[in-house]
Amino acid sequence: MNRLSTESSWVNAPNVGGRVSMESPDAVLALQHQLDAALAHHGRLPLVIVCVGTDRSTGDAFGPIVGSRLTRSVKLAGVHVLGTLDEPVHAVNLQATLQKIDEWYPVKPFVIAIDACLGKFDHVGQIAVDVGPLRPGAGVKKVLPEFGDLCITGVVNVSGFMEYFVLQNTRLAIVMRMADIVAEALTASLIRWYERHPAMKLGM
């Protein structure tokens, strides 16, 4: 779980990325457009999606729920999902997971990091797409390794006071709605990107 920055980090990729509210009737489509642009700008194979979090905390279950959804919907060669409800990636095993990724791939993979975050009251329910690494644990004052080439974060609750308590008392309905939006949008965007990827045309 990380803390959402209040500033956009799309410095090197103008007109790419931003935020989407889960309340928007076009949330899935809007998020797809952001992900389409981000993957077209930066994506490459192999691609690893790391969904951070734990099912022991309602708010922090956002990542593993997305991961579980993606393992059922994304069946693409060279695209792998880590971090599910059954096998979560969290503070205890994150470093080991990142080391395994380095060992598994002779060529550095493109990594999409997904995590819950805390933010301002009026940002709750928003989903952000940013180029650059995820800072997991920052929202609860944990020092964990930054990682990822692209990150997707969902603001599940308000930051600033008793963060662990806030996460544990986050409404599951909010987490589930955002997870469904992210999983649906990312699945569609990955399939489109994959079909257009140059490596696919070369039979790689």
N, C-alpha and C. Protein backbone atom coordinates (compact mmCIF):
# COMPACT_ATOMS: atom_id res chain seq x y z
N MET A 1 0.86 -1.19 0.00
CA MET A 1 0.00 0.00 0.00
C MET A 1 0.88 1.23 0.00
N ASN A 2 0.65 2.15 -0.94
CA ASN A 2 1.49 3.32 -1.01
C ASN A 2 0.64 4.57 -0.90
N ARG A 3 1.30 5.71 -0.72
CA ARG A 3 0.59 6.98 -0.63
C ARG A 3 0.56 7.63 -2.00
N LEU A 4 -0.60 8.08 -2.43
CA LEU A 4 -0.75 8.68 -3.74
C LEU A 4 -0.14 10.07 -3.76
N SER A 5 0.69 10.33 -4.76
CA SER A 5 1.23 11.67 -4.94
C SER A 5 0.13 12.60 -5.42
N THR A 6 0.17 13.85 -4.98
CA THR A 6 -0.84 14.81 -5.42
C THR A 6 -0.43 15.47 -6.74
N GLU A 7 0.76 15.16 -7.23
CA GLU A 7 1.24 15.74 -8.47
C GLU A 7 1.33 14.67 -9.54
N SER A 8 1.08 15.04 -10.79
CA SER A 8 1.22 14.10 -11.88
C SER A 8 2.69 13.80 -12.12
N SER A 9 3.02 12.53 -12.41
CA SER A 9 4.41 12.16 -12.65
C SER A 9 4.67 11.84 -14.12
N TRP A 10 3.76 12.26 -15.00
CA TRP A 10 3.93 11.99 -16.43
C TRP A 10 4.80 13.05 -17.08
N VAL A 11 5.98 13.26 -16.53
CA VAL A 11 6.85 14.33 -17.01
C VAL A 11 7.39 14.01 -18.39
N ASN A 12 7.79 12.75 -18.61
CA ASN A 12 8.42 12.38 -19.87
C ASN A 12 7.46 11.78 -20.89
N ALA A 13 6.17 11.76 -20.56
CA ALA A 13 5.18 11.21 -21.47
C ALA A 13 3.95 12.09 -21.50
N PRO A 14 4.04 13.24 -22.18
CA PRO A 14 2.91 14.16 -22.21
C PRO A 14 1.67 13.52 -22.82
N ASN A 15 0.51 13.95 -22.28
CA ASN A 15 -0.78 13.46 -22.76
C ASN A 15 -0.99 11.97 -22.51
N VAL A 16 -0.27 11.42 -21.56
CA VAL A 16 -0.41 10.01 -21.22
C VAL A 16 -0.70 9.89 -19.73
N GLY A 17 -1.76 9.13 -19.40
CA GLY A 17 -2.03 8.84 -18.00
C GLY A 17 -2.90 9.86 -17.30
N GLY A 18 -3.11 9.63 -16.01
CA GLY A 18 -3.94 10.51 -15.21
C GLY A 18 -4.78 9.71 -14.24
N ARG A 19 -5.95 10.24 -13.89
CA ARG A 19 -6.82 9.60 -12.90
C ARG A 19 -8.22 9.39 -13.46
N VAL A 20 -8.88 8.37 -12.92
CA VAL A 20 -10.24 8.04 -13.28
C VAL A 20 -11.01 7.77 -12.00
N SER A 21 -12.22 8.30 -11.90
CA SER A 21 -13.06 8.04 -10.73
C SER A 21 -13.91 6.80 -10.96
N MET A 22 -14.02 5.97 -9.94
CA MET A 22 -14.86 4.78 -10.08
C MET A 22 -16.33 5.16 -10.25
N GLU A 23 -16.69 6.40 -9.89
CA GLU A 23 -18.07 6.85 -10.03
C GLU A 23 -18.43 7.22 -11.46
N SER A 24 -17.43 7.38 -12.30
CA SER A 24 -17.69 7.75 -13.69
C SER A 24 -18.36 6.59 -14.43
N PRO A 25 -19.42 6.86 -15.18
CA PRO A 25 -20.07 5.78 -15.95
C PRO A 25 -19.15 5.23 -17.04
N ASP A 26 -18.13 5.99 -17.42
CA ASP A 26 -17.18 5.57 -18.44
C ASP A 26 -15.82 5.22 -17.84
N ALA A 27 -15.81 4.82 -16.57
CA ALA A 27 -14.54 4.58 -15.87
C ALA A 27 -13.68 3.54 -16.58
N VAL A 28 -14.26 2.43 -16.98
CA VAL A 28 -13.48 1.38 -17.62
C VAL A 28 -12.88 1.87 -18.94
N LEU A 29 -13.69 2.52 -19.75
CA LEU A 29 -13.22 3.00 -21.05
C LEU A 29 -12.15 4.07 -20.87
N ALA A 30 -12.35 4.99 -19.92
CA ALA A 30 -11.37 6.05 -19.68
C ALA A 30 -10.04 5.45 -19.22
N LEU A 31 -10.10 4.46 -18.34
CA LEU A 31 -8.87 3.83 -17.87
C LEU A 31 -8.20 3.06 -19.00
N GLN A 32 -8.98 2.44 -19.85
CA GLN A 32 -8.41 1.75 -21.01
C GLN A 32 -7.61 2.71 -21.88
N HIS A 33 -8.16 3.90 -22.12
CA HIS A 33 -7.46 4.89 -22.95
C HIS A 33 -6.12 5.26 -22.33
N GLN A 34 -6.10 5.44 -21.00
CA GLN A 34 -4.85 5.78 -20.32
C GLN A 34 -3.84 4.64 -20.46
N LEU A 35 -4.30 3.43 -20.25
CA LEU A 35 -3.40 2.28 -20.32
C LEU A 35 -2.93 2.02 -21.75
N ASP A 36 -3.83 2.21 -22.72
CA ASP A 36 -3.44 2.07 -24.13
C ASP A 36 -2.28 3.00 -24.45
N ALA A 37 -2.41 4.25 -24.05
CA ALA A 37 -1.37 5.24 -24.33
C ALA A 37 -0.07 4.90 -23.61
N ALA A 38 -0.18 4.47 -22.35
CA ALA A 38 1.01 4.15 -21.57
C ALA A 38 1.75 2.95 -22.16
N LEU A 39 1.02 1.91 -22.52
CA LEU A 39 1.66 0.72 -23.08
C LEU A 39 2.25 1.00 -24.45
N ALA A 40 1.57 1.79 -25.27
CA ALA A 40 2.10 2.14 -26.58
C ALA A 40 3.40 2.93 -26.44
N HIS A 41 3.49 3.75 -25.40
CA HIS A 41 4.67 4.59 -25.16
C HIS A 41 5.82 3.79 -24.58
N HIS A 42 5.52 2.86 -23.66
CA HIS A 42 6.57 2.26 -22.86
C HIS A 42 6.61 0.74 -22.85
N GLY A 43 5.51 0.07 -23.21
CA GLY A 43 5.41 -1.37 -23.01
C GLY A 43 6.36 -2.20 -23.86
N ARG A 44 6.74 -3.35 -23.33
CA ARG A 44 7.58 -4.30 -24.05
C ARG A 44 7.40 -5.68 -23.42
N LEU A 45 7.82 -6.69 -24.13
CA LEU A 45 7.78 -8.06 -23.63
C LEU A 45 9.19 -8.50 -23.22
N PRO A 46 9.31 -9.40 -22.23
CA PRO A 46 8.25 -9.94 -21.40
C PRO A 46 7.66 -8.88 -20.47
N LEU A 47 6.44 -9.12 -20.01
CA LEU A 47 5.73 -8.17 -19.16
C LEU A 47 5.25 -8.90 -17.90
N VAL A 48 5.54 -8.30 -16.75
CA VAL A 48 5.13 -8.89 -15.48
C VAL A 48 4.25 -7.89 -14.73
N ILE A 49 3.10 -8.37 -14.26
CA ILE A 49 2.19 -7.55 -13.46
C ILE A 49 2.31 -8.00 -12.02
N VAL A 50 2.73 -7.10 -11.13
CA VAL A 50 2.90 -7.43 -9.72
C VAL A 50 1.84 -6.68 -8.92
N CYS A 51 0.92 -7.44 -8.33
CA CYS A 51 -0.18 -6.85 -7.57
C CYS A 51 0.14 -6.97 -6.08
N VAL A 52 0.37 -5.84 -5.44
CA VAL A 52 0.86 -5.82 -4.06
C VAL A 52 -0.30 -5.68 -3.07
N GLY A 53 -0.21 -6.39 -1.94
CA GLY A 53 -1.23 -6.25 -0.91
C GLY A 53 -1.48 -7.54 -0.18
N THR A 54 -2.45 -7.53 0.71
CA THR A 54 -2.78 -8.70 1.50
C THR A 54 -4.28 -8.77 1.76
N ASP A 55 -4.80 -9.99 1.82
CA ASP A 55 -6.22 -10.16 2.10
C ASP A 55 -6.53 -10.07 3.59
N ARG A 56 -5.52 -9.81 4.41
CA ARG A 56 -5.73 -9.66 5.85
C ARG A 56 -6.20 -8.26 6.23
N SER A 57 -6.22 -7.36 5.24
CA SER A 57 -6.69 -5.99 5.46
C SER A 57 -7.60 -5.62 4.30
N THR A 58 -8.81 -5.19 4.59
CA THR A 58 -9.77 -4.92 3.52
C THR A 58 -9.23 -3.93 2.49
N GLY A 59 -8.70 -2.82 2.96
CA GLY A 59 -8.20 -1.81 2.05
C GLY A 59 -7.01 -2.28 1.24
N ASP A 60 -6.15 -3.07 1.88
CA ASP A 60 -4.93 -3.52 1.21
C ASP A 60 -5.16 -4.73 0.33
N ALA A 61 -6.41 -5.22 0.24
CA ALA A 61 -6.72 -6.36 -0.60
C ALA A 61 -6.94 -5.96 -2.06
N PHE A 62 -6.90 -4.67 -2.34
CA PHE A 62 -7.14 -4.20 -3.70
C PHE A 62 -6.22 -4.89 -4.71
N GLY A 63 -4.91 -4.89 -4.45
CA GLY A 63 -3.95 -5.49 -5.37
C GLY A 63 -4.20 -6.97 -5.59
N PRO A 64 -4.29 -7.78 -4.52
CA PRO A 64 -4.53 -9.21 -4.71
C PRO A 64 -5.85 -9.54 -5.41
N ILE A 65 -6.88 -8.73 -5.19
CA ILE A 65 -8.15 -8.96 -5.89
C ILE A 65 -7.97 -8.72 -7.39
N VAL A 66 -7.28 -7.63 -7.74
CA VAL A 66 -6.99 -7.38 -9.15
C VAL A 66 -6.18 -8.53 -9.72
N GLY A 67 -5.16 -8.99 -8.98
CA GLY A 67 -4.32 -10.08 -9.46
C GLY A 67 -5.10 -11.35 -9.71
N SER A 68 -6.02 -11.67 -8.80
CA SER A 68 -6.85 -12.87 -8.98
C SER A 68 -7.73 -12.75 -10.21
N ARG A 69 -8.29 -11.55 -10.43
CA ARG A 69 -9.11 -11.32 -11.63
C ARG A 69 -8.26 -11.51 -12.89
N LEU A 70 -7.05 -10.95 -12.88
CA LEU A 70 -6.20 -10.98 -14.07
C LEU A 70 -5.72 -12.39 -14.40
N THR A 71 -5.46 -13.22 -13.40
CA THR A 71 -4.99 -14.58 -13.68
C THR A 71 -6.04 -15.38 -14.44
N ARG A 72 -7.30 -15.00 -14.27
CA ARG A 72 -8.37 -15.70 -14.99
C ARG A 72 -8.62 -15.12 -16.38
N SER A 73 -8.28 -13.85 -16.57
CA SER A 73 -8.66 -13.19 -17.83
C SER A 73 -7.49 -12.94 -18.78
N VAL A 74 -6.26 -12.92 -18.28
CA VAL A 74 -5.10 -12.62 -19.13
C VAL A 74 -4.32 -13.91 -19.38
N LYS A 75 -4.43 -14.42 -20.60
CA LYS A 75 -3.74 -15.65 -21.00
C LYS A 75 -2.88 -15.35 -22.22
N LEU A 76 -1.80 -14.61 -22.02
CA LEU A 76 -0.96 -14.17 -23.12
C LEU A 76 0.47 -14.63 -22.87
N ALA A 77 1.09 -15.23 -23.88
CA ALA A 77 2.47 -15.68 -23.75
C ALA A 77 3.38 -14.49 -23.46
N GLY A 78 4.24 -14.64 -22.47
CA GLY A 78 5.16 -13.56 -22.15
C GLY A 78 4.59 -12.53 -21.21
N VAL A 79 3.33 -12.70 -20.78
CA VAL A 79 2.69 -11.79 -19.81
C VAL A 79 2.34 -12.61 -18.57
N HIS A 80 2.88 -12.22 -17.43
CA HIS A 80 2.71 -13.00 -16.20
C HIS A 80 2.19 -12.13 -15.07
N VAL A 81 1.34 -12.72 -14.23
CA VAL A 81 0.73 -12.01 -13.11
C VAL A 81 1.22 -12.61 -11.80
N LEU A 82 1.68 -11.78 -10.90
CA LEU A 82 2.10 -12.19 -9.56
C LEU A 82 1.31 -11.39 -8.54
N GLY A 83 0.90 -12.05 -7.46
CA GLY A 83 0.16 -11.37 -6.40
C GLY A 83 -1.33 -11.59 -6.53
N THR A 84 -1.84 -12.61 -5.85
CA THR A 84 -3.27 -12.94 -5.89
C THR A 84 -3.75 -13.15 -4.45
N LEU A 85 -5.03 -13.39 -4.30
CA LEU A 85 -5.57 -13.68 -2.97
C LEU A 85 -4.98 -14.96 -2.40
N ASP A 86 -4.75 -15.94 -3.27
CA ASP A 86 -4.17 -17.21 -2.81
C ASP A 86 -2.66 -17.10 -2.56
N GLU A 87 -1.97 -16.32 -3.39
CA GLU A 87 -0.52 -16.17 -3.27
C GLU A 87 -0.18 -14.68 -3.33
N PRO A 88 -0.41 -13.94 -2.24
CA PRO A 88 -0.20 -12.50 -2.25
C PRO A 88 1.28 -12.10 -2.23
N VAL A 89 1.54 -10.93 -2.78
CA VAL A 89 2.86 -10.29 -2.69
C VAL A 89 2.71 -9.12 -1.73
N HIS A 90 3.42 -9.17 -0.62
CA HIS A 90 3.25 -8.16 0.43
C HIS A 90 4.59 -7.77 1.02
N ALA A 91 4.57 -7.03 2.11
CA ALA A 91 5.80 -6.50 2.70
C ALA A 91 6.81 -7.59 3.04
N VAL A 92 6.32 -8.74 3.49
CA VAL A 92 7.23 -9.79 3.94
C VAL A 92 7.98 -10.45 2.79
N ASN A 93 7.32 -10.63 1.66
CA ASN A 93 7.95 -11.37 0.55
C ASN A 93 8.21 -10.53 -0.69
N LEU A 94 8.02 -9.23 -0.62
CA LEU A 94 8.21 -8.38 -1.80
C LEU A 94 9.64 -8.44 -2.31
N GLN A 95 10.63 -8.30 -1.43
CA GLN A 95 12.02 -8.32 -1.85
C GLN A 95 12.36 -9.65 -2.52
N ALA A 96 11.92 -10.74 -1.94
CA ALA A 96 12.19 -12.06 -2.53
C ALA A 96 11.51 -12.20 -3.88
N THR A 97 10.31 -11.66 -4.01
CA THR A 97 9.58 -11.72 -5.28
C THR A 97 10.32 -10.96 -6.36
N LEU A 98 10.82 -9.78 -6.04
CA LEU A 98 11.56 -8.99 -7.02
C LEU A 98 12.86 -9.68 -7.41
N GLN A 99 13.50 -10.35 -6.46
CA GLN A 99 14.72 -11.11 -6.77
C GLN A 99 14.41 -12.27 -7.72
N LYS A 100 13.28 -12.93 -7.49
CA LYS A 100 12.89 -14.03 -8.37
C LYS A 100 12.64 -13.53 -9.79
N ILE A 101 12.01 -12.38 -9.90
CA ILE A 101 11.76 -11.81 -11.24
C ILE A 101 13.08 -11.57 -11.96
N ASP A 102 14.06 -11.04 -11.24
CA ASP A 102 15.38 -10.82 -11.84
C ASP A 102 16.02 -12.13 -12.29
N GLU A 103 15.82 -13.19 -11.51
CA GLU A 103 16.41 -14.48 -11.84
C GLU A 103 15.67 -15.17 -12.99
N TRP A 104 14.37 -14.98 -13.06
CA TRP A 104 13.56 -15.68 -14.06
C TRP A 104 13.78 -15.16 -15.48
N TYR A 105 14.10 -13.88 -15.62
CA TYR A 105 14.12 -13.27 -16.95
C TYR A 105 15.52 -12.82 -17.33
N PRO A 106 16.10 -13.43 -18.37
CA PRO A 106 17.43 -13.00 -18.83
C PRO A 106 17.39 -11.57 -19.39
N VAL A 107 16.23 -11.20 -19.94
CA VAL A 107 16.00 -9.83 -20.42
C VAL A 107 15.09 -9.14 -19.42
N LYS A 108 15.46 -7.93 -19.01
CA LYS A 108 14.66 -7.21 -18.01
C LYS A 108 13.23 -7.05 -18.49
N PRO A 109 12.24 -7.53 -17.74
CA PRO A 109 10.85 -7.41 -18.17
C PRO A 109 10.29 -6.01 -17.91
N PHE A 110 9.21 -5.70 -18.58
CA PHE A 110 8.45 -4.49 -18.29
C PHE A 110 7.52 -4.83 -17.14
N VAL A 111 7.57 -4.07 -16.06
CA VAL A 111 6.82 -4.39 -14.86
C VAL A 111 5.72 -3.37 -14.61
N ILE A 112 4.50 -3.87 -14.48
CA ILE A 112 3.37 -3.04 -14.06
C ILE A 112 3.09 -3.36 -12.60
N ALA A 113 3.15 -2.36 -11.74
CA ALA A 113 2.90 -2.54 -10.31
C ALA A 113 1.51 -2.01 -9.97
N ILE A 114 0.77 -2.79 -9.20
CA ILE A 114 -0.60 -2.41 -8.82
C ILE A 114 -0.72 -2.47 -7.30
N ASP A 115 -1.30 -1.42 -6.71
CA ASP A 115 -1.37 -1.37 -5.25
C ASP A 115 -2.48 -0.42 -4.83
N ALA A 116 -2.95 -0.62 -3.59
CA ALA A 116 -3.87 0.33 -2.97
C ALA A 116 -3.08 1.52 -2.45
N CYS A 117 -3.74 2.63 -2.23
CA CYS A 117 -3.08 3.76 -1.61
C CYS A 117 -4.10 4.58 -0.83
N LEU A 118 -3.57 5.46 0.02
CA LEU A 118 -4.38 6.40 0.76
C LEU A 118 -4.17 7.78 0.17
N GLY A 119 -5.17 8.64 0.25
CA GLY A 119 -5.04 9.97 -0.33
C GLY A 119 -6.00 10.95 0.32
N LYS A 120 -6.23 12.05 -0.34
CA LYS A 120 -7.15 13.06 0.17
C LYS A 120 -8.59 12.54 0.12
N PHE A 121 -9.43 13.14 0.95
CA PHE A 121 -10.82 12.69 1.05
C PHE A 121 -11.50 12.70 -0.31
N ASP A 122 -11.30 13.77 -1.08
CA ASP A 122 -11.99 13.87 -2.37
C ASP A 122 -11.33 13.04 -3.47
N HIS A 123 -10.25 12.32 -3.14
CA HIS A 123 -9.61 11.43 -4.11
C HIS A 123 -9.99 9.97 -3.91
N VAL A 124 -10.70 9.67 -2.82
CA VAL A 124 -11.10 8.28 -2.56
C VAL A 124 -11.98 7.77 -3.70
N GLY A 125 -11.66 6.59 -4.20
CA GLY A 125 -12.40 6.03 -5.33
C GLY A 125 -11.75 6.34 -6.67
N GLN A 126 -10.63 7.06 -6.65
CA GLN A 126 -9.94 7.36 -7.90
C GLN A 126 -8.85 6.33 -8.18
N ILE A 127 -8.63 6.08 -9.45
CA ILE A 127 -7.60 5.15 -9.91
C ILE A 127 -6.61 5.95 -10.74
N ALA A 128 -5.34 5.84 -10.41
CA ALA A 128 -4.30 6.61 -11.09
C ALA A 128 -3.36 5.70 -11.86
N VAL A 129 -2.94 6.16 -13.02
CA VAL A 129 -1.93 5.47 -13.83
C VAL A 129 -0.74 6.40 -13.94
N ASP A 130 0.44 5.91 -13.60
CA ASP A 130 1.65 6.74 -13.61
C ASP A 130 2.83 5.97 -14.19
N VAL A 131 3.64 6.65 -14.97
CA VAL A 131 4.90 6.09 -15.41
C VAL A 131 5.90 6.22 -14.27
N GLY A 132 6.67 5.15 -14.07
CA GLY A 132 7.67 5.17 -13.01
C GLY A 132 7.35 4.18 -11.92
N PRO A 133 8.24 4.08 -10.94
CA PRO A 133 8.11 3.02 -9.93
C PRO A 133 7.03 3.28 -8.89
N LEU A 134 6.53 2.19 -8.34
CA LEU A 134 5.62 2.21 -7.20
C LEU A 134 6.45 2.35 -5.93
N ARG A 135 5.89 3.06 -4.94
CA ARG A 135 6.53 3.17 -3.63
C ARG A 135 5.68 2.43 -2.60
N PRO A 136 5.75 1.12 -2.59
CA PRO A 136 4.88 0.36 -1.68
C PRO A 136 5.22 0.62 -0.22
N GLY A 137 4.21 0.66 0.62
CA GLY A 137 4.42 0.85 2.05
C GLY A 137 4.54 2.27 2.51
N ALA A 138 4.65 3.22 1.59
CA ALA A 138 4.86 4.61 1.98
C ALA A 138 3.67 5.16 2.77
N GLY A 139 2.47 4.69 2.44
CA GLY A 139 1.28 5.20 3.11
C GLY A 139 1.17 4.79 4.56
N VAL A 140 1.88 3.71 4.95
CA VAL A 140 1.86 3.26 6.34
C VAL A 140 3.26 3.33 6.94
N LYS A 141 4.08 4.20 6.37
CA LYS A 141 5.42 4.50 6.89
C LYS A 141 6.37 3.30 6.85
N LYS A 142 6.19 2.40 5.89
CA LYS A 142 7.10 1.28 5.73
C LYS A 142 8.13 1.62 4.64
N VAL A 143 9.35 1.14 4.84
CA VAL A 143 10.40 1.34 3.84
C VAL A 143 10.55 0.04 3.06
N LEU A 144 10.05 0.02 1.85
CA LEU A 144 10.12 -1.14 0.98
C LEU A 144 10.73 -0.74 -0.36
N PRO A 145 11.27 -1.68 -1.11
CA PRO A 145 11.91 -1.33 -2.38
C PRO A 145 10.91 -0.78 -3.40
N GLU A 146 11.31 0.30 -4.04
CA GLU A 146 10.51 0.83 -5.14
C GLU A 146 10.73 -0.07 -6.36
N PHE A 147 9.69 -0.23 -7.18
CA PHE A 147 9.85 -1.07 -8.36
C PHE A 147 8.77 -0.74 -9.37
N GLY A 148 9.00 -1.17 -10.59
CA GLY A 148 8.00 -1.04 -11.63
C GLY A 148 8.33 0.03 -12.66
N ASP A 149 7.84 -0.19 -13.88
CA ASP A 149 7.97 0.78 -14.96
C ASP A 149 6.69 1.59 -15.13
N LEU A 150 5.58 1.01 -14.70
CA LEU A 150 4.28 1.65 -14.77
C LEU A 150 3.52 1.22 -13.52
N CYS A 151 2.81 2.15 -12.88
CA CYS A 151 2.06 1.75 -11.69
C CYS A 151 0.61 2.21 -11.79
N ILE A 152 -0.25 1.36 -11.24
CA ILE A 152 -1.68 1.63 -11.17
C ILE A 152 -2.05 1.60 -9.69
N THR A 153 -2.59 2.69 -9.18
CA THR A 153 -2.93 2.76 -7.76
C THR A 153 -4.39 3.14 -7.60
N GLY A 154 -5.03 2.54 -6.60
CA GLY A 154 -6.42 2.85 -6.29
C GLY A 154 -6.50 3.48 -4.92
N VAL A 155 -7.10 4.66 -4.83
CA VAL A 155 -7.24 5.35 -3.54
C VAL A 155 -8.42 4.75 -2.79
N VAL A 156 -8.13 3.95 -1.78
CA VAL A 156 -9.18 3.22 -1.08
C VAL A 156 -9.71 3.93 0.15
N ASN A 157 -8.92 4.87 0.69
CA ASN A 157 -9.36 5.56 1.90
C ASN A 157 -8.51 6.81 2.12
N VAL A 158 -8.73 7.48 3.25
CA VAL A 158 -8.11 8.77 3.53
C VAL A 158 -6.82 8.59 4.33
N SER A 159 -5.80 9.34 3.97
CA SER A 159 -4.51 9.27 4.66
C SER A 159 -4.43 10.33 5.76
N GLY A 160 -3.40 10.18 6.61
CA GLY A 160 -3.09 11.21 7.58
C GLY A 160 -3.29 10.85 9.03
N PHE A 161 -4.00 9.74 9.32
CA PHE A 161 -4.27 9.41 10.72
C PHE A 161 -4.56 7.92 10.86
N MET A 162 -3.79 7.24 11.70
CA MET A 162 -4.00 5.82 12.02
C MET A 162 -4.20 4.99 10.76
N GLU A 163 -3.18 5.01 9.89
CA GLU A 163 -3.31 4.40 8.57
C GLU A 163 -3.67 2.92 8.61
N TYR A 164 -3.06 2.16 9.52
CA TYR A 164 -3.38 0.72 9.59
C TYR A 164 -4.84 0.51 9.95
N PHE A 165 -5.34 1.28 10.89
CA PHE A 165 -6.74 1.18 11.30
C PHE A 165 -7.66 1.56 10.13
N VAL A 166 -7.29 2.61 9.43
CA VAL A 166 -8.08 3.08 8.29
C VAL A 166 -8.15 1.99 7.21
N LEU A 167 -7.02 1.36 6.90
CA LEU A 167 -7.01 0.31 5.89
C LEU A 167 -7.88 -0.87 6.29
N GLN A 168 -7.78 -1.27 7.56
CA GLN A 168 -8.54 -2.43 8.02
C GLN A 168 -10.04 -2.16 8.07
N ASN A 169 -10.42 -0.89 8.10
CA ASN A 169 -11.84 -0.54 8.17
C ASN A 169 -12.35 0.11 6.88
N THR A 170 -11.63 -0.15 5.80
CA THR A 170 -12.06 0.33 4.49
C THR A 170 -13.22 -0.51 3.99
N ARG A 171 -14.19 0.13 3.34
CA ARG A 171 -15.35 -0.59 2.82
C ARG A 171 -14.94 -1.51 1.68
N LEU A 172 -15.31 -2.76 1.80
CA LEU A 172 -15.00 -3.74 0.77
C LEU A 172 -15.66 -3.38 -0.56
N ALA A 173 -16.83 -2.75 -0.50
CA ALA A 173 -17.54 -2.38 -1.73
C ALA A 173 -16.70 -1.46 -2.59
N ILE A 174 -16.00 -0.51 -1.97
CA ILE A 174 -15.15 0.41 -2.72
C ILE A 174 -13.99 -0.34 -3.36
N VAL A 175 -13.36 -1.19 -2.58
CA VAL A 175 -12.22 -1.96 -3.08
C VAL A 175 -12.63 -2.85 -4.24
N MET A 176 -13.76 -3.52 -4.11
CA MET A 176 -14.20 -4.42 -5.17
C MET A 176 -14.56 -3.68 -6.45
N ARG A 177 -15.22 -2.55 -6.32
CA ARG A 177 -15.59 -1.78 -7.51
C ARG A 177 -14.36 -1.32 -8.26
N MET A 178 -13.38 -0.79 -7.54
CA MET A 178 -12.16 -0.33 -8.20
C MET A 178 -11.38 -1.48 -8.80
N ALA A 179 -11.32 -2.61 -8.08
CA ALA A 179 -10.60 -3.77 -8.59
C ALA A 179 -11.24 -4.28 -9.88
N ASP A 180 -12.56 -4.32 -9.93
CA ASP A 180 -13.24 -4.76 -11.14
C ASP A 180 -12.94 -3.84 -12.32
N ILE A 181 -12.92 -2.54 -12.07
CA ILE A 181 -12.63 -1.57 -13.13
C ILE A 181 -11.22 -1.76 -13.65
N VAL A 182 -10.25 -1.88 -12.75
CA VAL A 182 -8.86 -2.04 -13.16
C VAL A 182 -8.66 -3.34 -13.93
N ALA A 183 -9.21 -4.43 -13.41
CA ALA A 183 -9.03 -5.72 -14.07
C ALA A 183 -9.65 -5.73 -15.46
N GLU A 184 -10.84 -5.18 -15.60
CA GLU A 184 -11.49 -5.16 -16.91
C GLU A 184 -10.74 -4.27 -17.89
N ALA A 185 -10.35 -3.08 -17.45
CA ALA A 185 -9.66 -2.15 -18.34
C ALA A 185 -8.28 -2.67 -18.73
N LEU A 186 -7.54 -3.20 -17.76
CA LEU A 186 -6.19 -3.68 -18.05
C LEU A 186 -6.22 -4.91 -18.94
N THR A 187 -7.17 -5.79 -18.74
CA THR A 187 -7.29 -6.97 -19.60
C THR A 187 -7.51 -6.56 -21.04
N ALA A 188 -8.47 -5.68 -21.27
CA ALA A 188 -8.76 -5.23 -22.64
C ALA A 188 -7.57 -4.51 -23.26
N SER A 189 -6.92 -3.66 -22.48
CA SER A 189 -5.80 -2.89 -23.00
C SER A 189 -4.61 -3.80 -23.32
N LEU A 190 -4.34 -4.77 -22.46
CA LEU A 190 -3.23 -5.69 -22.70
C LEU A 190 -3.47 -6.52 -23.95
N ILE A 191 -4.69 -6.99 -24.16
CA ILE A 191 -4.98 -7.80 -25.34
C ILE A 191 -4.78 -6.98 -26.61
N ARG A 192 -5.26 -5.74 -26.62
CA ARG A 192 -5.07 -4.89 -27.80
C ARG A 192 -3.60 -4.61 -28.04
N TRP A 193 -2.88 -4.26 -27.00
CA TRP A 193 -1.45 -3.95 -27.12
C TRP A 193 -0.68 -5.19 -27.59
N TYR A 194 -1.01 -6.33 -27.04
CA TYR A 194 -0.32 -7.57 -27.37
C TYR A 194 -0.48 -7.90 -28.85
N GLU A 195 -1.69 -7.72 -29.36
CA GLU A 195 -1.95 -8.03 -30.77
C GLU A 195 -1.20 -7.11 -31.71
N ARG A 196 -0.90 -5.89 -31.24
CA ARG A 196 -0.17 -4.92 -32.07
C ARG A 196 1.32 -4.94 -31.82
N HIS A 197 1.79 -5.70 -30.83
CA HIS A 197 3.20 -5.64 -30.44
C HIS A 197 4.09 -6.16 -31.56
N PRO A 198 5.18 -5.43 -31.87
CA PRO A 198 6.09 -5.87 -32.96
C PRO A 198 6.61 -7.28 -32.77
N ALA A 199 6.87 -7.70 -31.53
CA ALA A 199 7.40 -9.04 -31.29
C ALA A 199 6.42 -10.12 -31.75
N MET A 200 5.12 -9.80 -31.66
CA MET A 200 4.13 -10.78 -32.09
C MET A 200 4.19 -10.98 -33.60
N LYS A 201 4.42 -9.91 -34.31
CA LYS A 201 4.49 -9.99 -35.77
C LYS A 201 5.72 -10.78 -36.23
N LEU A 202 6.76 -10.76 -35.39
CA LEU A 202 7.98 -11.50 -35.71
C LEU A 202 7.92 -12.93 -35.20
N GLY A 203 6.81 -13.29 -34.57
CA GLY A 203 6.66 -14.64 -34.05
C GLY A 203 7.47 -14.90 -32.80
N MET A 204 7.79 -13.86 -32.05
CA MET A 204 8.59 -13.99 -30.85
C MET A 204 7.70 -14.17 -29.63
